[in-house]
Amino acid sequence: MSRICQLTGKKAMKGNKVSFSNAKTPRQFKVNLKTKKFFVPETAEWITLRVSTSAIKNINKKGIYACLKESVEKGILN
């Protein structure tokens, strides 16, 4: 399973690790993903999503139903 957030679509970024001597070596900035169960009161069911921690903050702020609706509109979630 790829490391992509199911709500925001965030995925790993590429960059450089820069040492003290300013030598640059490639590295990846991976997404901080958590598997979490959410209760959707509008549909009265539990769903399990693999989401980033920033998406969890958005869910706490907006609500799970609004975040699901937004990700469907963006085309990230079916």
C-alpha atoms as a PDB file:
ATOM      1  CA  MET A   1       0.000   0.000   0.000  1.00  0.00           C
ATOM      2  CA  SER A   2       1.418   3.381  -0.971  1.00  0.00           C
ATOM      3  CA  ARG A   3       1.937   6.077   1.616  1.00  0.00           C
ATOM      4  CA  ILE A   4      -0.766   8.505   0.468  1.00  0.00           C
ATOM      5  CA  CYS A   5      -3.345  10.239   2.657  1.00  0.00           C
ATOM      6  CA  GLN A   6      -6.865   9.147   1.681  1.00  0.00           C
ATOM      7  CA  LEU A   7      -8.420  12.550   2.455  1.00  0.00           C
ATOM      8  CA  THR A   8      -5.872  15.136   1.356  1.00  0.00           C
ATOM      9  CA  GLY A   9      -3.878  13.172  -1.232  1.00  0.00           C
ATOM     10  CA  LYS A  10      -0.586  14.079   0.421  1.00  0.00           C
ATOM     11  CA  LYS A  11       2.363  11.877  -0.550  1.00  0.00           C
ATOM     12  CA  ALA A  12       6.136  11.751  -0.116  1.00  0.00           C
ATOM     13  CA  MET A  13       8.233  14.647  -1.401  1.00  0.00           C
ATOM     14  CA  LYS A  14      11.813  14.543  -2.620  1.00  0.00           C
ATOM     15  CA  GLY A  15      14.546  16.830  -1.350  1.00  0.00           C
ATOM     16  CA  ASN A  16      18.170  16.930  -0.320  1.00  0.00           C
ATOM     17  CA  LYS A  17      19.882  16.137   2.933  1.00  0.00           C
ATOM     18  CA  VAL A  18      22.482  18.876   3.365  1.00  0.00           C
ATOM     19  CA  SER A  19      25.509  18.061   5.497  1.00  0.00           C
ATOM     20  CA  PHE A  20      27.803  20.501   7.318  1.00  0.00           C
ATOM     21  CA  SER A  21      30.169  20.400   4.318  1.00  0.00           C
ATOM     22  CA  ASN A  22      27.164  21.376   2.137  1.00  0.00           C
ATOM     23  CA  ALA A  23      27.210  18.028   0.314  1.00  0.00           C
ATOM     24  CA  LYS A  24      23.732  17.192  -0.914  1.00  0.00           C
ATOM     25  CA  THR A  25      22.360  13.662  -0.956  1.00  0.00           C
ATOM     26  CA  PRO A  26      18.810  12.763  -2.037  1.00  0.00           C
ATOM     27  CA  ARG A  27      16.216  11.909   0.581  1.00  0.00           C
ATOM     28  CA  GLN A  28      12.443  11.586   0.966  1.00  0.00           C
ATOM     29  CA  PHE A  29      10.136  13.546   3.216  1.00  0.00           C
ATOM     30  CA  LYS A  30       7.471  10.964   4.070  1.00  0.00           C
ATOM     31  CA  VAL A  31       3.926  11.723   5.197  1.00  0.00           C
ATOM     32  CA  ASN A  32       3.006  11.102   8.835  1.00  0.00           C
ATOM     33  CA  LEU A  33       0.125   8.648   8.291  1.00  0.00           C
ATOM     34  CA  LYS A  34      -2.124   7.069  10.887  1.00  0.00           C
ATOM     35  CA  THR A  35      -4.841   4.443  10.459  1.00  0.00           C
ATOM     36  CA  LYS A  36      -7.893   5.743  12.278  1.00  0.00           C
ATOM     37  CA  LYS A  37     -11.571   4.842  12.649  1.00  0.00           C
ATOM     38  CA  PHE A  38     -14.105   7.649  12.384  1.00  0.00           C
ATOM     39  CA  PHE A  39     -17.820   7.660  13.142  1.00  0.00           C
ATOM     40  CA  VAL A  40     -19.901   9.512  10.550  1.00  0.00           C
ATOM     41  CA  PRO A  41     -23.087  10.624  12.337  1.00  0.00           C
ATOM     42  CA  GLU A  42     -24.873  11.603   9.094  1.00  0.00           C
ATOM     43  CA  THR A  43     -24.703   8.019   7.793  1.00  0.00           C
ATOM     44  CA  ALA A  44     -24.489   6.363  11.247  1.00  0.00           C
ATOM     45  CA  GLU A  45     -21.536   4.159  10.283  1.00  0.00           C
ATOM     46  CA  TRP A  46     -17.864   3.706  11.145  1.00  0.00           C
ATOM     47  CA  ILE A  47     -15.181   4.119   8.474  1.00  0.00           C
ATOM     48  CA  THR A  48     -11.469   3.340   8.641  1.00  0.00           C
ATOM     49  CA  LEU A  49      -9.153   5.724   6.837  1.00  0.00           C
ATOM     50  CA  ARG A  50      -5.388   6.064   6.465  1.00  0.00           C
ATOM     51  CA  VAL A  51      -4.944   9.798   6.992  1.00  0.00           C
ATOM     52  CA  SER A  52      -2.135  12.248   7.695  1.00  0.00           C
ATOM     53  CA  THR A  53      -1.945  13.962  11.066  1.00  0.00           C
ATOM     54  CA  SER A  54      -2.723  17.303   9.411  1.00  0.00           C
ATOM     55  CA  ALA A  55      -5.916  15.740   8.002  1.00  0.00           C
ATOM     56  CA  ILE A  56      -6.857  14.611  11.532  1.00  0.00           C
ATOM     57  CA  LYS A  57      -6.511  18.246  12.641  1.00  0.00           C
ATOM     58  CA  ASN A  58      -8.800  19.318   9.784  1.00  0.00           C
ATOM     59  CA  ILE A  59     -11.345  16.654  10.776  1.00  0.00           C
ATOM     60  CA  ASN A  60     -11.317  17.930  14.362  1.00  0.00           C
ATOM     61  CA  LYS A  61     -11.876  21.469  13.069  1.00  0.00           C
ATOM     62  CA  LYS A  62     -14.445  20.936  10.275  1.00  0.00           C
ATOM     63  CA  GLY A  63     -15.952  17.533  11.026  1.00  0.00           C
ATOM     64  CA  ILE A  64     -15.553  14.198   9.243  1.00  0.00           C
ATOM     65  CA  TYR A  65     -18.555  14.598   6.927  1.00  0.00           C
ATOM     66  CA  ALA A  66     -17.376  17.981   5.602  1.00  0.00           C
ATOM     67  CA  CYS A  67     -13.865  16.617   4.990  1.00  0.00           C
ATOM     68  CA  LEU A  68     -15.217  13.536   3.167  1.00  0.00           C
ATOM     69  CA  LYS A  69     -17.456  15.723   1.021  1.00  0.00           C
ATOM     70  CA  GLU A  70     -14.540  18.046   0.191  1.00  0.00           C
ATOM     71  CA  SER A  71     -12.241  15.178  -0.815  1.00  0.00           C
ATOM     72  CA  VAL A  72     -14.947  13.706  -3.080  1.00  0.00           C
ATOM     73  CA  GLU A  73     -15.367  17.102  -4.782  1.00  0.00           C
ATOM     74  CA  LYS A  74     -11.599  17.318  -5.346  1.00  0.00           C
ATOM     75  CA  GLY A  75     -11.589  13.784  -6.780  1.00  0.00           C
ATOM     76  CA  ILE A  76      -9.272  12.287  -4.155  1.00  0.00           C
ATOM     77  CA  LEU A  77     -11.847   9.952  -2.619  1.00  0.00           C
ATOM     78  CA  ASN A  78     -14.479   8.003  -4.580  1.00  0.00           C
END
